[in-house]
Amino acid sequence: MEHTPPPSISSDPAPPAPPRASRLPLYLALAYSVLVIYASLYPFANWRDRGVSPFAFLHAAWPRYWTVFDLVVNVLAYVPLGFLLTLTLRRIPGGRWAAAIVALLLGSLLSFCMESLQTYLPSRVASSIDLACNTLGAAVGAAIAFWRGKRIFRRIGQLQQALLAPTPHAEIGVVLLGIWLLTQLSPETLLFGTGDLRHVLELTPAVPYAAQSFFVLETGVIACNTMVVGLFARTLLADQAYPHLVLIAFFILALATRTLAAAVLITPQDALGWLTPGAEVGLLIGTLLLSLSLLLPAQLRIALAGAALMAGTALVNLTPGNPYSEAALAAWRQGNFLNFNGLTRWVASFWPFVALPYLATCERLYV
């Protein structure tokens, strides 16, 4: 009886699954749009109808007071928006050309709406020059994405696959971590400190200033938030991505950002003004606790991050005003950075209340 030989089994590995389309450009574009809206309409106060058409700025004369700095900032502010919108729209019919054109139109429309709304804010001046600069910035960003976007996006995708854990909503976590990094640009906040609601609710400090109490509270705030940020970042990292090295690099980046911001926004002599005795001890304690926490299972790490986040938020609202921060704010060139100052303070205030639900979502993945 003739036997049919069994089918041969190939020893070649199965082809890898195609990479999941990244939504990171979309999330970054949305987050950046919110930041642009906030910076454009800050301080959101004293809205009034001044009897002027919201479109009158289109045919107004050249502004009486302007600086090259203002023009450059208005151009640069919209470059990331045009770039991110083009990457987000890369799959629409028409390909790269259509994506770049639509991104330019959306950036121009956003700027037009912001300038129109500024008509009702006495502290702001609507200007066609700002609209033109914003449009130019969006065009530059769209052009960069048009010519180099495909290559940049491919590299971003490769980096994302190599570093990020294959979990849902990891891109949102990356955006939240980037927003936290933005808060370190403010020289008046405590190092790594977030969640201070006193300027939002107009509350006075719960503890009167004394050197010893400030030292203890500052140490606690920095230690808690060092754990929070480290454990938060660890939830995003794949096990094979050398997470400890990535965390070290991220903390170096955060401290370098803080140092550079202080040097540029205040004076170079104040670049390391944030490195107080409380900061030194807080970083040391926080690093030790973080190193031990990284040995725990993922679910416990996330729960510990949530507890440290709530503790750090409570402590920062108890901490008295920092004399160094007040001096730094007085030395800050508020004329050029007033909107930036308000933006970073509000982002720092509300970051924990967005990060905590995200951590709760991550924890459910391990239940």
Protein backbone atom coordinates (compact mmCIF):
# COMPACT_ATOMS: atom_id res chain seq x y z
CA MET A 1 0.00 0.00 0.00
CA GLU A 2 1.42 3.35 -1.03
CA HIS A 3 1.74 5.91 1.68
CA THR A 4 1.55 9.61 1.00
CA PRO A 5 4.46 11.40 2.63
CA PRO A 6 3.48 13.97 5.21
CA PRO A 7 3.72 17.56 4.13
CA SER A 8 7.08 19.09 4.81
CA ILE A 9 7.28 21.53 7.67
CA SER A 10 9.34 24.59 6.90
CA SER A 11 11.93 25.52 9.46
CA ASP A 12 11.77 29.17 8.43
CA PRO A 13 10.20 31.39 11.07
CA ALA A 14 6.88 32.97 10.33
CA PRO A 15 7.16 36.48 8.91
CA PRO A 16 6.81 39.14 11.57
CA ALA A 17 3.46 40.80 11.90
CA PRO A 18 3.30 44.23 10.28
CA PRO A 19 3.85 47.03 12.76
CA ARG A 20 0.74 48.62 14.21
CA ALA A 21 0.05 52.06 12.83
CA SER A 22 1.24 54.55 15.41
CA ARG A 23 -1.16 57.16 16.68
CA LEU A 24 1.63 59.13 18.31
CA PRO A 25 1.57 61.97 15.72
CA LEU A 26 -2.19 62.35 16.26
CA TYR A 27 -1.88 62.53 20.05
CA LEU A 28 1.05 64.93 19.82
CA ALA A 29 -0.83 67.13 17.34
CA LEU A 30 -3.87 67.29 19.62
CA ALA A 31 -1.76 68.04 22.71
CA TYR A 32 0.23 70.70 20.90
CA SER A 33 -2.95 72.32 19.57
CA VAL A 34 -4.28 72.61 23.12
CA LEU A 35 -1.01 74.22 24.21
CA VAL A 36 -1.20 76.70 21.33
CA ILE A 37 -4.79 77.61 22.21
CA TYR A 38 -3.89 78.11 25.84
CA ALA A 39 -0.82 80.24 25.07
CA SER A 40 -2.82 82.32 22.58
CA LEU A 41 -5.72 83.10 24.91
CA TYR A 42 -3.93 83.36 28.27
CA PRO A 43 -4.88 84.74 30.82
CA PHE A 44 -8.53 83.93 29.88
CA ALA A 45 -9.73 86.95 31.89
CA ASN A 46 -11.68 90.19 31.38
CA TRP A 47 -13.38 89.12 28.16
CA ARG A 48 -15.34 92.04 26.72
CA ASP A 49 -16.82 93.35 23.49
CA ARG A 50 -14.88 96.48 22.59
CA GLY A 51 -17.12 97.36 19.66
CA VAL A 52 -14.57 96.15 17.13
CA SER A 53 -15.18 93.45 14.56
CA PRO A 54 -13.23 90.26 15.37
CA PHE A 55 -11.92 90.41 11.78
CA ALA A 56 -10.76 94.03 11.90
CA PHE A 57 -7.16 92.93 12.46
CA LEU A 58 -7.03 91.68 8.85
CA HIS A 59 -6.92 95.20 7.43
CA ALA A 60 -5.29 96.97 10.39
CA ALA A 61 -2.03 98.88 9.95
CA TRP A 62 1.35 97.40 10.87
CA PRO A 63 1.50 97.10 14.69
CA ARG A 64 3.12 100.07 16.37
CA TYR A 65 5.13 97.95 18.78
CA TRP A 66 6.81 94.78 17.53
CA THR A 67 10.16 93.03 17.86
CA VAL A 68 12.08 90.54 15.79
CA PHE A 69 11.82 88.18 18.77
CA ASP A 70 8.01 88.24 18.56
CA LEU A 71 8.07 87.51 14.82
CA VAL A 72 10.48 84.60 15.21
CA VAL A 73 8.50 83.12 18.11
CA ASN A 74 5.25 83.33 16.11
CA VAL A 75 6.87 81.47 13.24
CA LEU A 76 8.56 78.81 15.35
CA ALA A 77 5.46 78.18 17.47
CA TYR A 78 3.55 76.79 14.48
CA VAL A 79 6.35 74.73 12.90
CA PRO A 80 5.71 71.67 15.14
CA LEU A 81 1.97 72.00 14.51
CA GLY A 82 2.36 71.93 10.73
CA PHE A 83 4.79 69.02 10.99
CA LEU A 84 2.60 66.92 13.31
CA LEU A 85 -0.60 67.62 11.37
CA THR A 86 1.05 66.53 8.13
CA LEU A 87 2.21 63.28 9.69
CA THR A 88 -1.24 62.72 11.19
CA LEU A 89 -2.94 63.21 7.82
CA ARG A 90 -0.44 61.16 5.82
CA ARG A 91 -3.02 58.50 4.91
CA ILE A 92 -5.72 60.77 3.49
CA PRO A 93 -6.51 60.53 -0.25
CA GLY A 94 -4.03 62.51 -2.26
CA GLY A 95 -0.94 61.41 -0.37
CA ARG A 96 1.77 63.72 0.90
CA TRP A 97 0.69 66.74 -1.12
CA ALA A 98 -2.84 66.65 0.21
CA ALA A 99 -1.62 66.06 3.78
CA ALA A 100 0.74 69.05 3.63
CA ILE A 101 -1.88 71.37 2.12
CA VAL A 102 -4.60 70.36 4.60
CA ALA A 103 -2.14 70.73 7.49
CA LEU A 104 -1.24 74.23 6.29
CA LEU A 105 -4.92 75.16 6.04
CA LEU A 106 -5.69 73.78 9.51
CA GLY A 107 -2.74 75.63 11.03
CA SER A 108 -3.82 78.87 9.34
CA LEU A 109 -7.41 78.35 10.47
CA LEU A 110 -6.34 77.80 14.07
CA SER A 111 -4.23 80.97 14.01
CA PHE A 112 -7.09 82.94 12.43
CA CYS A 113 -9.50 81.79 15.15
CA MET A 114 -7.01 82.66 17.91
CA GLU A 115 -6.37 86.15 16.51
CA SER A 116 -10.12 86.74 16.15
CA LEU A 117 -10.77 85.71 19.76
CA GLN A 118 -7.94 87.92 20.98
CA THR A 119 -10.06 90.89 19.89
CA TYR A 120 -12.16 90.28 23.01
CA LEU A 121 -9.15 90.11 25.36
CA PRO A 122 -7.90 93.54 26.49
CA SER A 123 -4.50 92.09 27.38
CA ARG A 124 -3.95 90.73 23.86
CA VAL A 125 -3.53 92.44 20.48
CA ALA A 126 -4.89 90.71 17.39
CA SER A 127 -2.55 91.17 14.43
CA SER A 128 -2.43 90.12 10.80
CA ILE A 129 1.36 89.96 11.19
CA ASP A 130 0.94 87.22 13.80
CA LEU A 131 -1.42 85.37 11.45
CA ALA A 132 1.10 85.61 8.62
CA CYS A 133 3.96 84.42 10.84
CA ASN A 134 1.89 81.53 12.19
CA THR A 135 0.91 80.52 8.67
CA LEU A 136 4.54 80.65 7.59
CA GLY A 137 5.49 78.45 10.53
CA ALA A 138 2.79 75.90 9.67
CA ALA A 139 4.01 75.93 6.06
CA VAL A 140 7.60 75.28 7.14
CA GLY A 141 6.51 72.40 9.37
CA ALA A 142 4.36 70.92 6.60
CA ALA A 143 7.24 71.22 4.14
CA ILE A 144 9.62 69.42 6.49
CA ALA A 145 7.07 66.62 6.93
CA PHE A 146 6.49 66.51 3.15
CA TRP A 147 10.16 66.07 2.28
CA ARG A 148 11.40 64.12 5.28
CA GLY A 149 8.25 63.00 7.07
CA LYS A 150 8.20 59.47 5.69
CA ARG A 151 11.78 58.80 6.77
CA ILE A 152 11.27 60.49 10.15
CA PHE A 153 8.03 58.61 10.76
CA ARG A 154 9.68 55.30 9.86
CA ARG A 155 12.45 55.94 12.36
CA ILE A 156 9.94 56.99 15.00
CA GLY A 157 8.06 53.74 14.39
CA GLN A 158 11.24 51.69 14.68
CA LEU A 159 12.19 53.47 17.90
CA GLN A 160 8.69 52.98 19.27
CA GLN A 161 8.80 49.25 18.53
CA ALA A 162 12.22 48.92 20.14
CA LEU A 163 11.47 50.89 23.32
CA LEU A 164 7.74 50.80 24.08
CA ALA A 165 5.87 47.88 25.56
CA PRO A 166 3.17 46.53 23.23
CA THR A 167 0.32 47.75 25.42
CA PRO A 168 -2.74 49.81 24.54
CA HIS A 169 -2.50 53.57 24.94
CA ALA A 170 1.32 53.55 25.24
CA GLU A 171 1.44 56.54 22.88
CA ILE A 172 -0.78 58.51 25.26
CA GLY A 173 1.67 57.74 28.06
CA VAL A 174 4.53 59.07 25.93
CA VAL A 175 2.61 62.31 25.36
CA LEU A 176 1.92 62.67 29.09
CA LEU A 177 5.59 62.11 29.86
CA GLY A 178 6.52 64.75 27.29
CA ILE A 179 4.06 67.18 28.87
CA TRP A 180 5.64 66.49 32.28
CA LEU A 181 9.02 67.36 30.76
CA LEU A 182 7.51 70.67 29.63
CA THR A 183 6.71 71.54 33.25
CA GLN A 184 10.43 71.50 34.07
CA LEU A 185 10.89 74.61 31.93
CA SER A 186 9.29 76.74 34.64
CA PRO A 187 11.94 78.12 37.04
CA GLU A 188 9.41 79.07 39.72
CA THR A 189 8.11 75.58 40.50
CA LEU A 190 9.79 73.04 42.75
CA LEU A 191 11.99 70.53 40.96
CA PHE A 192 9.73 67.73 39.62
CA GLY A 193 6.84 69.27 41.58
CA THR A 194 3.38 69.04 40.02
CA GLY A 195 -0.19 69.38 41.25
CA ASP A 196 0.08 72.76 43.00
CA LEU A 197 -3.47 74.14 42.88
CA ARG A 198 -3.01 77.14 45.14
CA HIS A 199 -2.63 79.68 42.34
CA VAL A 200 -5.66 78.16 40.62
CA LEU A 201 -7.87 78.24 43.72
CA GLU A 202 -6.15 81.33 45.17
CA LEU A 203 -5.26 79.61 48.43
CA THR A 204 -2.50 80.61 50.82
CA PRO A 205 0.28 78.14 51.72
CA ALA A 206 -0.79 75.70 54.41
CA VAL A 207 2.56 75.92 56.22
CA PRO A 208 4.31 79.22 57.01
CA TYR A 209 7.83 79.49 55.66
CA ALA A 210 10.63 78.23 57.87
CA ALA A 211 13.94 76.89 56.61
CA GLN A 212 13.57 73.49 58.29
CA SER A 213 9.94 72.91 57.26
CA PHE A 214 10.68 73.97 53.69
CA PHE A 215 13.66 71.61 53.54
CA VAL A 216 11.60 68.63 54.76
CA LEU A 217 8.65 69.30 52.47
CA GLU A 218 10.84 70.00 49.43
CA THR A 219 12.70 66.74 50.04
CA GLY A 220 9.41 64.83 50.25
CA VAL A 221 8.00 66.44 47.09
CA ILE A 222 11.10 65.64 45.02
CA ALA A 223 11.48 62.11 46.39
CA CYS A 224 7.82 61.25 45.67
CA ASN A 225 7.88 62.71 42.19
CA THR A 226 11.16 61.03 41.31
CA MET A 227 9.45 57.72 42.06
CA VAL A 228 6.32 58.76 40.15
CA VAL A 229 8.09 59.76 36.97
CA GLY A 230 10.43 56.78 37.02
CA LEU A 231 7.64 54.25 37.58
CA PHE A 232 5.38 56.01 35.08
CA ALA A 233 8.09 55.80 32.42
CA ARG A 234 8.73 52.14 33.32
CA THR A 235 5.12 51.24 32.46
CA LEU A 236 5.84 52.39 28.89
CA LEU A 237 9.11 50.54 28.35
CA ALA A 238 9.55 47.06 26.95
CA ASP A 239 11.57 44.64 29.07
CA GLN A 240 14.13 44.14 26.30
CA ALA A 241 14.73 47.89 25.91
CA TYR A 242 17.22 48.17 28.80
CA PRO A 243 14.69 50.18 30.85
CA HIS A 244 17.18 51.15 33.57
CA LEU A 245 19.46 52.86 31.04
CA VAL A 246 16.48 54.59 29.41
CA LEU A 247 15.31 55.89 32.80
CA ILE A 248 18.78 57.24 33.61
CA ALA A 249 18.88 59.00 30.25
CA PHE A 250 15.42 60.47 30.80
CA PHE A 251 16.27 61.88 34.23
CA ILE A 252 19.47 63.38 32.83
CA LEU A 253 17.35 65.01 30.11
CA ALA A 254 14.89 66.35 32.71
CA LEU A 255 17.65 67.88 34.84
CA ALA A 256 19.38 69.29 31.76
CA THR A 257 16.08 70.85 30.69
CA ARG A 258 15.65 72.44 34.10
CA THR A 259 19.22 73.76 34.05
CA LEU A 260 19.00 75.14 30.52
CA ALA A 261 15.64 76.80 31.21
CA ALA A 262 17.02 78.56 34.30
CA ALA A 263 20.11 79.72 32.38
CA VAL A 264 18.10 81.10 29.46
CA LEU A 265 15.04 82.46 31.23
CA ILE A 266 16.80 83.95 34.28
CA THR A 267 20.59 84.25 34.17
CA PRO A 268 23.43 81.79 33.48
CA GLN A 269 24.57 82.25 37.08
CA ASP A 270 21.23 80.80 38.26
CA ALA A 271 21.42 77.72 36.02
CA LEU A 272 21.90 75.39 39.00
CA GLY A 273 19.83 77.39 41.45
CA TRP A 274 17.33 74.53 41.65
CA LEU A 275 20.00 72.27 43.20
CA THR A 276 19.14 73.13 46.81
CA PRO A 277 19.98 70.93 49.83
CA GLY A 278 16.39 69.67 49.77
CA ALA A 279 16.70 68.82 46.09
CA GLU A 280 19.93 66.91 46.64
CA VAL A 281 18.47 64.81 49.46
CA GLY A 282 15.16 64.35 47.65
CA LEU A 283 16.86 63.11 44.48
CA LEU A 284 19.00 60.71 46.51
CA ILE A 285 16.06 59.28 48.47
CA GLY A 286 13.83 59.17 45.42
CA THR A 287 16.48 57.36 43.35
CA LEU A 288 17.01 54.74 46.07
CA LEU A 289 13.29 54.12 46.48
CA LEU A 290 12.81 53.99 42.70
CA SER A 291 15.62 51.44 42.32
CA LEU A 292 13.95 49.17 44.89
CA SER A 293 10.49 49.70 43.38
CA LEU A 294 11.68 48.57 39.96
CA LEU A 295 12.22 45.10 41.42
CA LEU A 296 8.50 44.71 42.13
CA PRO A 297 5.94 43.12 39.77
CA ALA A 298 4.34 45.46 37.25
CA GLN A 299 0.99 45.73 39.03
CA LEU A 300 2.63 46.69 42.33
CA ARG A 301 4.87 49.21 40.58
CA ILE A 302 1.84 50.96 39.07
CA ALA A 303 -0.03 50.98 42.39
CA LEU A 304 3.03 52.42 44.12
CA ALA A 305 3.32 55.09 41.42
CA GLY A 306 -0.29 56.12 42.05
CA ALA A 307 0.27 56.33 45.82
CA ALA A 308 3.46 58.37 45.38
CA LEU A 309 1.64 60.65 42.94
CA MET A 310 -1.09 61.44 45.46
CA ALA A 311 1.44 61.91 48.27
CA GLY A 312 3.59 64.24 46.16
CA THR A 313 0.54 66.28 45.12
CA ALA A 314 -0.55 66.67 48.77
CA LEU A 315 2.95 67.70 49.87
CA VAL A 316 3.42 70.29 47.13
CA ASN A 317 0.21 72.01 48.27
CA LEU A 318 1.53 72.14 51.84
CA THR A 319 4.93 73.53 50.91
CA PRO A 320 5.44 77.25 51.65
CA GLY A 321 6.59 79.61 48.94
CA ASN A 322 10.17 79.17 47.80
CA PRO A 323 12.17 82.42 48.16
CA TYR A 324 14.40 81.35 45.27
CA SER A 325 11.37 80.83 43.03
CA GLU A 326 10.01 84.25 43.90
CA ALA A 327 13.35 85.87 43.10
CA ALA A 328 13.57 83.88 39.89
CA LEU A 329 10.10 85.01 38.84
CA ALA A 330 11.01 88.64 39.55
CA ALA A 331 14.08 88.30 37.34
CA TRP A 332 12.16 86.55 34.57
CA ARG A 333 11.57 88.61 31.43
CA GLN A 334 7.81 88.52 31.79
CA GLY A 335 7.30 90.69 28.73
CA ASN A 336 8.49 87.90 26.44
CA PHE A 337 7.52 84.86 28.52
CA LEU A 338 4.32 85.82 30.34
CA ASN A 339 2.16 83.42 28.32
CA PHE A 340 4.78 80.68 28.57
CA ASN A 341 4.90 81.11 32.33
CA GLY A 342 1.13 80.74 32.67
CA LEU A 343 1.14 77.72 30.37
CA THR A 344 3.78 75.78 32.28
CA ARG A 345 2.21 76.57 35.66
CA TRP A 346 -1.22 75.32 34.59
CA VAL A 347 0.20 72.21 32.94
CA ALA A 348 2.16 71.45 36.11
CA SER A 349 -0.95 72.02 38.24
CA PHE A 350 -3.18 69.56 36.41
CA TRP A 351 -0.68 66.93 35.26
CA PRO A 352 -1.22 64.56 38.25
CA PHE A 353 -4.99 64.59 37.70
CA VAL A 354 -4.50 63.31 34.16
CA ALA A 355 -1.65 60.93 34.98
CA LEU A 356 -3.55 59.17 37.79
CA PRO A 357 -6.43 57.90 35.56
CA TYR A 358 -3.83 56.74 33.04
CA LEU A 359 -2.03 54.74 35.73
CA ALA A 360 -5.35 53.23 36.82
CA THR A 361 -5.97 52.15 33.22
CA CYS A 362 -2.52 50.56 33.07
CA GLU A 363 -3.10 48.72 36.35
CA ARG A 364 -6.26 47.07 34.99
CA LEU A 365 -4.19 45.51 32.22
CA TYR A 366 -2.40 43.34 34.80
CA VAL A 367 -5.48 42.27 36.76
